[in-house]
């Protein structure tokens, strides 16, 4: 392994890409320590720590994990790349139902650039809205002692000036646009997927703190039997999830494919037997992100309604959607993961287009006629393997909650070392290794995984 790593850094182009990527990720992390103007970060941290178990704080933590943001701290990168991710998802969904965008997608590179341009404009609009509501939430009521995170010296007649709001909103918007630019620079000049690497860097930066909480009793010399069992359980969960993620993300259903023979003069071309690889987990981690969001925000909304109107039925609905009722929550979570797995696969995988492409390339699947029969076969195969991929995602998503309830481990800690966070980090790492392998194989070296 050390020899393979040495080979990686002996290739000038690959070494430059890796160092550039690491430098841009360092800039990304530095921005998390630059607070927004006027905010009292010490006071903000104390209030957020005192409400760590409240519904809104759980939502903020979950959103921050998926979006590479730091919503719990008022920094210039507080929104992270969440608006860009939202805009990308919106346009990807629109491209499957709105004909003008669908035609742009089929235009190739020029159409993709146009859609990316529209995505950037939508990101700016989303940034302005999200940062405004976020700042308004942080400010609260400045006239009360605990109603605001801002310094009292900025108040004018008991209120903050509108210019301060505009400066803060524009600062957060510029921070997100800068992160979007960083991701694009990594895509173009670095190695790996820029946006995914930003999210992974945010997850990895949180893991040491979770590990400190886990190993704290070990270093303090106060390890009890329960602490040792927790450590063994989380270590085993970590190993199983890492192995499963690598296995599923690299898993493929290879469909045999035959190319037609072409006779030109006295020579025969084509006729080669190849394989069409279909990913077992075509949807990636998007189903978990969608399912988590769909459960978190309604639970918070119904909880707020229950407190406002003092209604026990609304509170029961909130408990069912949140983790207070573990069985109902996990059941709904699994069902939503399955639904979004099939939904996202249907959006990203079009068997009719693939069948038409095979037909235009002069290739066919033995035993199936080109065209409709081939499309039906591909759809049937994808339906079956998506069921397996969805089952894996459901197990990974639910396992930390089950382990936390039975072993009395903090759910947030368990999720870092055996849940969605680990799933995202490992999947991005696998993709990064594959990108590095492609550079090595292109120069006749052995890949890192060989």
Protein backbone atom coordinates (compact mmCIF):
# COMPACT_ATOMS: atom_id res chain seq x y z
CA UNK A 1 0.00 0.00 0.00
CA UNK A 2 2.81 2.43 0.85
CA UNK A 3 4.41 1.70 -2.52
CA UNK A 4 1.12 2.47 -4.29
CA UNK A 5 0.79 5.76 -2.40
CA UNK A 6 4.35 6.63 -3.34
CA UNK A 7 3.50 6.00 -7.00
CA UNK A 8 0.45 8.29 -6.70
CA UNK A 9 2.63 11.23 -5.60
CA UNK A 10 5.33 10.55 -8.19
CA UNK A 11 2.93 11.46 -11.02
CA UNK A 12 3.20 15.29 -11.32
CA UNK A 13 -0.29 15.89 -12.70
CA UNK A 14 -2.02 13.67 -10.15
CA UNK A 15 0.07 15.11 -7.30
CA UNK A 16 -0.90 18.63 -8.32
CA UNK A 17 -4.59 17.69 -8.43
CA UNK A 18 -4.46 16.12 -4.96
CA UNK A 19 -2.65 19.06 -3.35
CA UNK A 20 -4.99 21.55 -5.01
CA UNK A 21 -8.01 19.62 -3.71
CA UNK A 22 -6.58 19.50 -0.18
CA UNK A 23 -5.83 23.24 -0.30
CA UNK A 24 -9.36 24.14 -1.39
CA UNK A 25 -10.83 21.88 1.32
CA UNK A 26 -8.62 23.68 3.87
CA UNK A 27 -10.04 27.02 2.70
CA UNK A 28 -13.52 25.57 3.10
CA UNK A 29 -12.80 24.58 6.71
CA UNK A 30 -11.22 27.94 7.56
CA UNK A 31 -14.47 29.69 6.64
CA UNK A 32 -16.27 27.82 9.43
CA UNK A 33 -14.27 29.79 12.01
CA UNK A 34 -15.10 33.22 10.56
CA UNK A 35 -18.26 34.48 12.32
CA UNK A 36 -20.84 36.76 10.79
CA UNK A 37 -20.49 40.42 11.77
CA UNK A 38 -22.04 41.52 15.06
CA UNK A 39 -23.05 38.03 16.28
CA UNK A 40 -22.08 37.05 19.81
CA UNK A 41 -20.80 33.51 19.08
CA UNK A 42 -20.19 32.66 22.76
CA UNK A 43 -23.75 33.46 23.73
CA UNK A 44 -25.05 31.61 20.68
CA UNK A 45 -23.07 28.46 21.53
CA UNK A 46 -24.36 28.48 25.12
CA UNK A 47 -27.99 28.77 24.04
CA UNK A 48 -27.65 26.09 21.36
CA UNK A 49 -25.97 23.71 23.81
CA UNK A 50 -28.78 24.19 26.30
CA UNK A 51 -31.35 23.29 23.58
CA UNK A 52 -29.38 20.43 22.02
CA UNK A 53 -32.21 17.93 22.47
CA UNK A 54 -35.00 20.13 21.18
CA UNK A 55 -36.69 19.41 17.87
CA UNK A 56 -35.40 22.45 16.01
CA UNK A 57 -31.81 21.78 17.03
CA UNK A 58 -32.12 18.18 15.82
CA UNK A 59 -33.39 19.43 12.47
CA UNK A 60 -30.51 21.90 12.18
CA UNK A 61 -27.97 19.18 12.99
CA UNK A 62 -29.48 16.78 10.45
CA UNK A 63 -29.61 19.40 7.70
CA UNK A 64 -26.05 20.51 8.46
CA UNK A 65 -24.78 16.94 8.11
CA UNK A 66 -26.34 16.44 4.68
CA UNK A 67 -25.49 19.85 3.25
CA UNK A 68 -21.95 20.49 4.45
CA UNK A 69 -23.14 23.53 6.39
CA UNK A 70 -22.69 24.89 9.90
CA UNK A 71 -26.21 26.03 10.72
CA UNK A 72 -25.63 25.81 14.46
CA UNK A 73 -22.95 28.54 14.21
CA UNK A 74 -23.31 31.98 12.64
CA UNK A 75 -20.38 31.90 10.20
CA UNK A 76 -19.90 33.15 6.66
CA UNK A 77 -20.31 29.54 5.43
CA UNK A 78 -23.31 28.97 7.70
CA UNK A 79 -25.60 27.79 4.88
CA UNK A 80 -22.93 25.59 3.35
CA UNK A 81 -23.87 24.29 -0.09
CA UNK A 82 -27.44 23.47 0.92
CA UNK A 83 -29.03 26.00 -1.50
CA UNK A 84 -26.92 24.66 -4.40
CA UNK A 85 -27.92 21.08 -3.59
CA UNK A 86 -31.59 22.12 -3.42
CA UNK A 87 -31.36 23.94 -6.75
CA UNK A 88 -29.62 20.96 -8.40
CA UNK A 89 -32.31 18.56 -7.17
CA UNK A 90 -35.08 20.89 -8.36
CA UNK A 91 -33.65 21.14 -11.88
CA UNK A 92 -32.94 17.42 -12.06
CA UNK A 93 -36.55 16.69 -11.19
CA UNK A 94 -37.83 19.36 -13.57
CA UNK A 95 -35.74 17.89 -16.40
CA UNK A 96 -37.75 14.66 -16.15
CA UNK A 97 -41.17 16.36 -16.40
CA UNK A 98 -40.58 19.68 -18.24
CA UNK A 99 -39.91 19.26 -21.96
CA UNK A 100 -37.64 22.33 -22.54
CA UNK A 101 -35.21 21.14 -19.85
CA UNK A 102 -35.44 17.57 -21.12
CA UNK A 103 -34.43 18.76 -24.58
CA UNK A 104 -31.55 20.74 -23.09
CA UNK A 105 -30.28 17.58 -21.39
CA UNK A 106 -30.23 15.76 -24.71
CA UNK A 107 -28.07 18.47 -26.32
CA UNK A 108 -25.00 17.13 -24.55
CA UNK A 109 -22.29 19.36 -23.11
CA UNK A 110 -23.84 22.65 -24.27
CA UNK A 111 -27.19 21.75 -22.72
CA UNK A 112 -25.52 20.69 -19.47
CA UNK A 113 -23.71 24.03 -19.24
CA UNK A 114 -26.99 25.89 -19.77
CA UNK A 115 -28.72 23.90 -17.02
CA UNK A 116 -25.76 24.57 -14.70
CA UNK A 117 -26.15 28.28 -15.42
CA UNK A 118 -29.83 28.16 -14.47
CA UNK A 119 -28.89 26.19 -11.33
CA UNK A 120 -26.47 28.93 -10.26
CA UNK A 121 -29.13 31.62 -10.65
CA UNK A 122 -31.60 29.54 -8.64
CA UNK A 123 -28.93 29.04 -5.97
CA UNK A 124 -28.58 32.80 -5.50
CA UNK A 125 -32.35 33.19 -5.09
CA UNK A 126 -32.53 30.32 -2.58
CA UNK A 127 -29.57 31.76 -0.67
CA UNK A 128 -31.27 35.10 -0.26
CA UNK A 129 -34.47 33.52 1.08
CA UNK A 130 -32.82 30.94 3.33
CA UNK A 131 -30.26 33.33 4.80
CA UNK A 132 -32.97 35.94 5.51
CA UNK A 133 -35.13 33.48 7.47
CA UNK A 134 -32.08 32.04 9.20
CA UNK A 135 -30.89 35.48 10.32
CA UNK A 136 -34.38 36.41 11.49
CA UNK A 137 -34.47 33.20 13.56
CA UNK A 138 -31.09 33.98 15.13
CA UNK A 139 -31.96 37.58 15.92
CA UNK A 140 -35.31 36.76 17.53
CA UNK A 141 -36.42 39.64 19.75
CA UNK A 142 -33.35 41.86 20.36
CA UNK A 143 -35.09 43.74 23.18
CA UNK A 144 -35.14 40.65 25.43
CA UNK A 145 -32.17 39.29 27.33
CA UNK A 146 -32.15 35.89 25.62
CA UNK A 147 -33.98 36.94 22.49
CA UNK A 148 -31.00 37.57 20.26
CA UNK A 149 -27.48 36.44 19.53
CA UNK A 150 -26.41 39.93 18.40
CA UNK A 151 -24.53 42.50 20.43
CA UNK A 152 -26.70 45.05 22.24
CA UNK A 153 -24.50 47.92 21.05
CA UNK A 154 -25.91 47.54 17.53
CA UNK A 155 -29.49 48.27 18.57
CA UNK A 156 -31.03 51.51 17.33
CA UNK A 157 -34.19 52.42 19.26
CA UNK A 158 -34.49 48.79 20.37
CA UNK A 159 -34.19 47.40 16.85
CA UNK A 160 -31.50 46.38 14.39
CA UNK A 161 -31.15 48.58 11.31
CA UNK A 162 -32.27 47.11 7.99
CA UNK A 163 -28.81 47.71 6.52
CA UNK A 164 -27.38 45.23 9.06
CA UNK A 165 -29.84 42.57 7.89
CA UNK A 166 -28.87 43.17 4.27
CA UNK A 167 -25.13 42.96 4.99
CA UNK A 168 -25.57 39.71 6.92
CA UNK A 169 -27.79 38.14 4.25
CA UNK A 170 -25.42 39.15 1.44
CA UNK A 171 -22.44 37.82 3.43
CA UNK A 172 -24.04 34.39 3.82
CA UNK A 173 -25.13 34.39 0.17
CA UNK A 174 -21.60 35.23 -0.98
CA UNK A 175 -20.25 32.47 1.28
CA UNK A 176 -22.47 29.85 -0.37
CA UNK A 177 -21.62 31.10 -3.87
CA UNK A 178 -17.93 30.91 -2.96
CA UNK A 179 -18.37 27.30 -1.81
CA UNK A 180 -20.16 26.51 -5.07
CA UNK A 181 -17.17 27.97 -6.92
CA UNK A 182 -14.79 25.90 -4.77
CA UNK A 183 -16.67 22.74 -5.70
CA UNK A 184 -16.50 23.58 -9.40
CA UNK A 185 -12.76 24.27 -9.15
CA UNK A 186 -12.24 20.84 -7.58
CA UNK A 187 -14.28 19.27 -10.39
CA UNK A 188 -12.25 21.01 -13.09
CA UNK A 189 -8.72 21.18 -11.68
CA UNK A 190 -8.73 18.82 -8.68
CA UNK A 191 -9.64 15.19 -8.12
CA UNK A 192 -13.08 13.81 -7.23
CA UNK A 193 -16.53 15.37 -7.07
CA UNK A 194 -16.18 18.82 -5.49
CA UNK A 195 -19.61 19.11 -3.83
CA UNK A 196 -19.43 15.57 -2.43
CA UNK A 197 -15.94 16.21 -1.05
CA UNK A 198 -17.16 19.36 0.73
CA UNK A 199 -19.93 17.35 2.42
CA UNK A 200 -17.48 14.60 3.36
CA UNK A 201 -15.02 17.13 4.81
CA UNK A 202 -17.81 18.52 7.00
CA UNK A 203 -18.74 15.02 8.24
CA UNK A 204 -15.13 14.03 8.95
CA UNK A 205 -14.58 17.29 10.85
CA UNK A 206 -17.42 16.32 13.24
CA UNK A 207 -16.22 12.77 13.84
CA UNK A 208 -13.29 13.55 16.20
CA UNK A 209 -15.65 15.27 18.66
CA UNK A 210 -17.98 12.27 18.56
CA UNK A 211 -14.99 9.97 19.06
CA UNK A 212 -13.85 12.05 22.04
CA UNK A 213 -17.23 11.58 23.68
CA UNK A 214 -17.05 7.86 23.02
CA UNK A 215 -13.48 7.34 24.26
CA UNK A 216 -13.63 9.91 27.06
CA UNK A 217 -14.17 7.34 29.83
CA UNK A 218 -11.34 5.19 28.44
CA UNK A 219 -8.73 7.95 28.80
CA UNK A 220 -10.10 9.16 32.13
CA UNK A 221 -9.75 5.68 33.64
CA UNK A 222 -13.45 5.38 34.47
CA UNK A 223 -14.37 2.71 31.94
CA UNK A 224 -17.34 0.62 33.02
CA UNK A 225 -18.65 -2.58 31.49
CA UNK A 226 -21.36 -0.65 29.66
CA UNK A 227 -18.78 1.71 28.15
CA UNK A 228 -16.71 -1.22 26.90
CA UNK A 229 -19.80 -2.83 25.36
CA UNK A 230 -20.69 0.43 23.65
CA UNK A 231 -17.22 0.73 22.18
CA UNK A 232 -17.26 -2.86 20.90
CA UNK A 233 -20.76 -2.41 19.47
CA UNK A 234 -19.92 0.80 17.63
CA UNK A 235 -16.64 -0.63 16.33
CA UNK A 236 -18.45 -3.65 14.94
CA UNK A 237 -21.14 -1.44 13.41
CA UNK A 238 -18.42 0.72 11.85
CA UNK A 239 -16.69 -2.27 10.22
CA UNK A 240 -19.96 -3.78 8.94
CA UNK A 241 -21.19 -0.51 7.43
CA UNK A 242 -17.84 0.24 5.73
CA UNK A 243 -17.74 -3.25 4.23
CA UNK A 244 -21.39 -3.07 3.16
CA UNK A 245 -21.05 0.38 1.58
CA UNK A 246 -18.02 -0.65 -0.47
CA UNK A 247 -19.72 -3.90 -1.51
CA UNK A 248 -23.04 -2.30 -2.52
CA UNK A 249 -21.63 0.83 -4.17
CA UNK A 250 -19.27 -1.23 -6.31
CA UNK A 251 -21.89 -3.93 -6.93
CA UNK A 252 -23.16 -4.23 -10.48
CA UNK A 253 -25.59 -6.37 -12.41
CA UNK A 254 -23.68 -7.12 -15.61
CA UNK A 255 -26.07 -7.74 -18.51
CA UNK A 256 -24.48 -9.51 -21.52
CA UNK A 257 -24.57 -7.41 -24.67
CA UNK A 258 -23.68 -8.34 -28.24
CA UNK A 259 -22.62 -5.90 -30.95
CA UNK A 260 -23.80 -6.49 -34.51
CA UNK A 261 -21.35 -7.67 -37.16
CA UNK A 262 -20.46 -5.34 -40.03
CA UNK A 263 -18.86 -6.65 -43.21
CA UNK A 264 -16.69 -4.16 -45.08
CA UNK A 265 -14.92 -5.69 -48.02
CA UNK A 266 -13.27 -8.85 -46.82
CA UNK A 267 -13.15 -7.81 -43.17
CA UNK A 268 -15.75 -8.41 -40.46
CA UNK A 269 -16.11 -5.76 -37.75
CA UNK A 270 -18.03 -5.96 -34.49
CA UNK A 271 -19.61 -9.06 -33.08
CA UNK A 272 -17.84 -8.60 -29.75
CA UNK A 273 -19.48 -9.72 -26.53
CA UNK A 274 -19.58 -6.98 -23.89
CA UNK A 275 -21.45 -6.21 -20.67
CA UNK A 276 -23.85 -3.45 -19.70
CA UNK A 277 -23.20 -2.62 -16.00
CA UNK A 278 -26.23 -1.58 -13.93
CA UNK A 279 -25.50 -0.29 -10.43
CA UNK A 280 -27.17 -2.06 -7.54
CA UNK A 281 -27.54 1.27 -5.72
CA UNK A 282 -28.46 3.56 -8.59
CA UNK A 283 -30.01 6.20 -6.30
CA UNK A 284 -26.96 6.72 -4.06
CA UNK A 285 -27.69 8.41 -0.73
CA UNK A 286 -30.45 10.68 -2.04
CA UNK A 287 -33.33 8.47 -0.75
CA UNK A 288 -32.03 8.73 2.84
CA UNK A 289 -31.70 12.51 2.54
CA UNK A 290 -35.25 12.87 1.18
CA UNK A 291 -36.75 10.46 3.73
CA UNK A 292 -35.01 12.16 6.66
CA UNK A 293 -36.18 15.60 5.56
CA UNK A 294 -39.73 14.40 5.03
CA UNK A 295 -39.85 13.01 8.57
CA UNK A 296 -37.99 15.78 10.40
CA UNK A 297 -39.85 18.88 9.30
CA UNK A 298 -43.44 17.54 9.65
CA UNK A 299 -42.53 16.20 13.12
CA UNK A 300 -41.34 19.65 14.13
CA UNK A 301 -44.42 21.29 12.60
CA UNK A 302 -46.92 18.99 14.34
CA UNK A 303 -45.03 19.36 17.61
CA UNK A 304 -45.35 23.13 17.35
CA UNK A 305 -49.10 22.82 16.59
CA UNK A 306 -49.56 20.45 19.56
CA UNK A 307 -47.94 22.94 21.95
CA UNK A 308 -49.85 25.87 20.48
CA UNK A 309 -53.31 24.27 20.60
CA UNK A 310 -52.55 21.79 23.44
CA UNK A 311 -53.85 18.91 21.34
CA UNK A 312 -52.84 15.36 22.33
CA UNK A 313 -53.63 13.91 18.88
CA UNK A 314 -51.26 16.32 17.18
CA UNK A 315 -48.61 15.40 19.75
CA UNK A 316 -49.14 11.71 18.94
CA UNK A 317 -48.57 12.44 15.25
CA UNK A 318 -45.40 14.38 16.11
CA UNK A 319 -44.13 11.49 18.26
CA UNK A 320 -44.85 9.00 15.48
CA UNK A 321 -42.84 11.03 12.96
CA UNK A 322 -39.99 11.73 15.38
CA UNK A 323 -37.74 9.27 17.17
CA UNK A 324 -39.84 9.40 20.33
CA UNK A 325 -41.82 6.46 18.91
CA UNK A 326 -38.95 4.35 17.60
CA UNK A 327 -41.01 1.57 15.95
CA UNK A 328 -43.36 3.86 14.03
CA UNK A 329 -40.53 6.20 13.07
CA UNK A 330 -38.34 3.37 11.76
CA UNK A 331 -41.24 1.79 9.86
CA UNK A 332 -42.08 5.09 8.14
CA UNK A 333 -38.38 5.70 7.50
CA UNK A 334 -37.95 2.34 5.74
CA UNK A 335 -41.09 2.82 3.63
CA UNK A 336 -39.98 6.29 2.55
CA UNK A 337 -36.49 5.03 1.68
CA UNK A 338 -38.00 2.36 -0.58
CA UNK A 339 -40.31 4.90 -2.19
CA UNK A 340 -37.56 7.43 -2.89
CA UNK A 341 -35.17 4.71 -4.10
CA UNK A 342 -37.60 3.75 -6.85
CA UNK A 343 -38.55 7.37 -7.47
CA UNK A 344 -34.95 8.62 -7.81
CA UNK A 345 -33.98 5.60 -9.95
CA UNK A 346 -36.89 6.35 -12.26
CA UNK A 347 -35.66 9.94 -12.57
CA UNK A 348 -32.00 9.10 -13.26
CA UNK A 349 -32.41 5.84 -15.21
CA UNK A 350 -34.48 5.76 -18.41
CA UNK A 351 -34.66 2.24 -19.92
CA UNK A 352 -36.28 3.51 -23.14
CA UNK A 353 -33.42 5.91 -23.85
CA UNK A 354 -30.86 3.21 -23.03
CA UNK A 355 -32.60 0.75 -25.36
CA UNK A 356 -32.64 3.34 -28.15
CA UNK A 357 -28.95 4.08 -27.60
CA UNK A 358 -28.08 0.39 -27.81
CA UNK A 359 -30.07 0.14 -31.02
CA UNK A 360 -28.32 3.16 -32.55
CA UNK A 361 -24.91 1.73 -31.57
CA UNK A 362 -25.72 -1.52 -33.31
CA UNK A 363 -25.79 -3.52 -30.06
CA UNK A 364 -28.43 -5.78 -28.58
CA UNK A 365 -29.11 -8.02 -25.58
CA UNK A 366 -29.20 -11.69 -26.65
CA UNK A 367 -32.72 -13.10 -26.48
CA UNK A 368 -34.46 -9.70 -26.60
CA UNK A 369 -35.43 -7.64 -29.60
CA UNK A 370 -34.01 -4.11 -29.82
CA UNK A 371 -36.45 -1.41 -28.79
CA UNK A 372 -39.45 -2.03 -26.56
CA UNK A 373 -38.54 -5.61 -25.53
CA UNK A 374 -35.07 -4.49 -24.45
CA UNK A 375 -36.49 -1.51 -22.52
CA UNK A 376 -38.97 -3.78 -20.68
CA UNK A 377 -36.18 -6.19 -19.77
CA UNK A 378 -33.90 -3.41 -18.47
CA UNK A 379 -36.77 -1.97 -16.43
CA UNK A 380 -37.51 -5.39 -14.88
CA UNK A 381 -33.85 -5.94 -13.96
CA UNK A 382 -33.51 -2.45 -12.48
CA UNK A 383 -36.68 -2.94 -10.42
CA UNK A 384 -35.22 -6.09 -8.86
CA UNK A 385 -31.76 -4.75 -8.07
CA UNK A 386 -33.23 -1.47 -6.74
CA UNK A 387 -35.11 -3.54 -4.16
CA UNK A 388 -31.77 -4.88 -2.89
CA UNK A 389 -30.16 -1.43 -2.87
CA UNK A 390 -33.12 0.05 -0.99
CA UNK A 391 -32.95 -2.75 1.59
CA UNK A 392 -29.28 -1.96 2.21
CA UNK A 393 -29.95 1.77 2.62
CA UNK A 394 -32.84 1.01 5.00
CA UNK A 395 -30.66 -1.21 7.18
CA UNK A 396 -27.87 1.38 7.33
CA UNK A 397 -30.31 4.19 8.14
CA UNK A 398 -32.24 2.34 10.86
CA UNK A 399 -29.38 0.38 12.49
CA UNK A 400 -27.98 3.31 14.57
CA UNK A 401 -31.41 4.06 16.02
CA UNK A 402 -31.93 0.43 17.03
CA UNK A 403 -28.43 0.14 18.47
CA UNK A 404 -28.81 3.43 20.36
CA UNK A 405 -32.12 2.35 21.93
CA UNK A 406 -30.94 -1.13 22.99
CA UNK A 407 -27.39 -0.22 24.08
CA UNK A 408 -28.32 3.21 25.54
CA UNK A 409 -25.91 5.04 23.22
CA UNK A 410 -26.45 8.62 22.12
CA UNK A 411 -28.23 8.48 18.72
CA UNK A 412 -26.12 11.29 17.29
CA UNK A 413 -22.93 9.48 18.25
CA UNK A 414 -24.17 6.18 16.80
CA UNK A 415 -25.15 7.85 13.52
CA UNK A 416 -21.63 9.23 13.05
CA UNK A 417 -19.97 5.83 13.34
CA UNK A 418 -22.59 3.57 11.83
CA UNK A 419 -25.25 5.46 9.97
CA UNK A 420 -25.94 7.93 7.19
CA UNK A 421 -22.87 10.07 7.90
CA UNK A 422 -20.59 7.08 7.54
CA UNK A 423 -22.49 5.99 4.43
CA UNK A 424 -21.90 9.36 2.76
CA UNK A 425 -18.24 9.55 3.80
CA UNK A 426 -17.38 6.03 2.62
CA UNK A 427 -19.28 6.35 -0.67
CA UNK A 428 -17.46 9.59 -1.50
CA UNK A 429 -14.14 7.98 -0.52
CA UNK A 430 -14.86 5.00 -2.82
CA UNK A 431 -15.62 7.38 -5.69
CA UNK A 432 -12.39 9.29 -4.98
CA UNK A 433 -10.31 6.08 -5.04
CA UNK A 434 -11.89 5.13 -8.36
CA UNK A 435 -10.94 8.53 -9.82
CA UNK A 436 -7.34 8.09 -8.65
CA UNK A 437 -7.30 4.54 -10.04
CA UNK A 438 -8.35 5.81 -13.47
CA UNK A 439 -5.32 8.13 -13.52
CA UNK A 440 -2.99 5.30 -12.47
CA UNK A 441 -4.36 2.78 -14.99
CA UNK A 442 -4.11 5.37 -17.75
CA UNK A 443 -0.35 5.52 -17.07
CA UNK A 444 0.03 1.72 -16.89
CA UNK A 445 0.25 1.57 -13.06
CA UNK A 446 -1.72 -0.73 -10.81
CA UNK A 447 -4.73 0.82 -9.11
CA UNK A 448 -5.06 1.31 -5.36
CA UNK A 449 -7.69 -1.43 -5.12
CA UNK A 450 -5.74 -4.05 -7.09
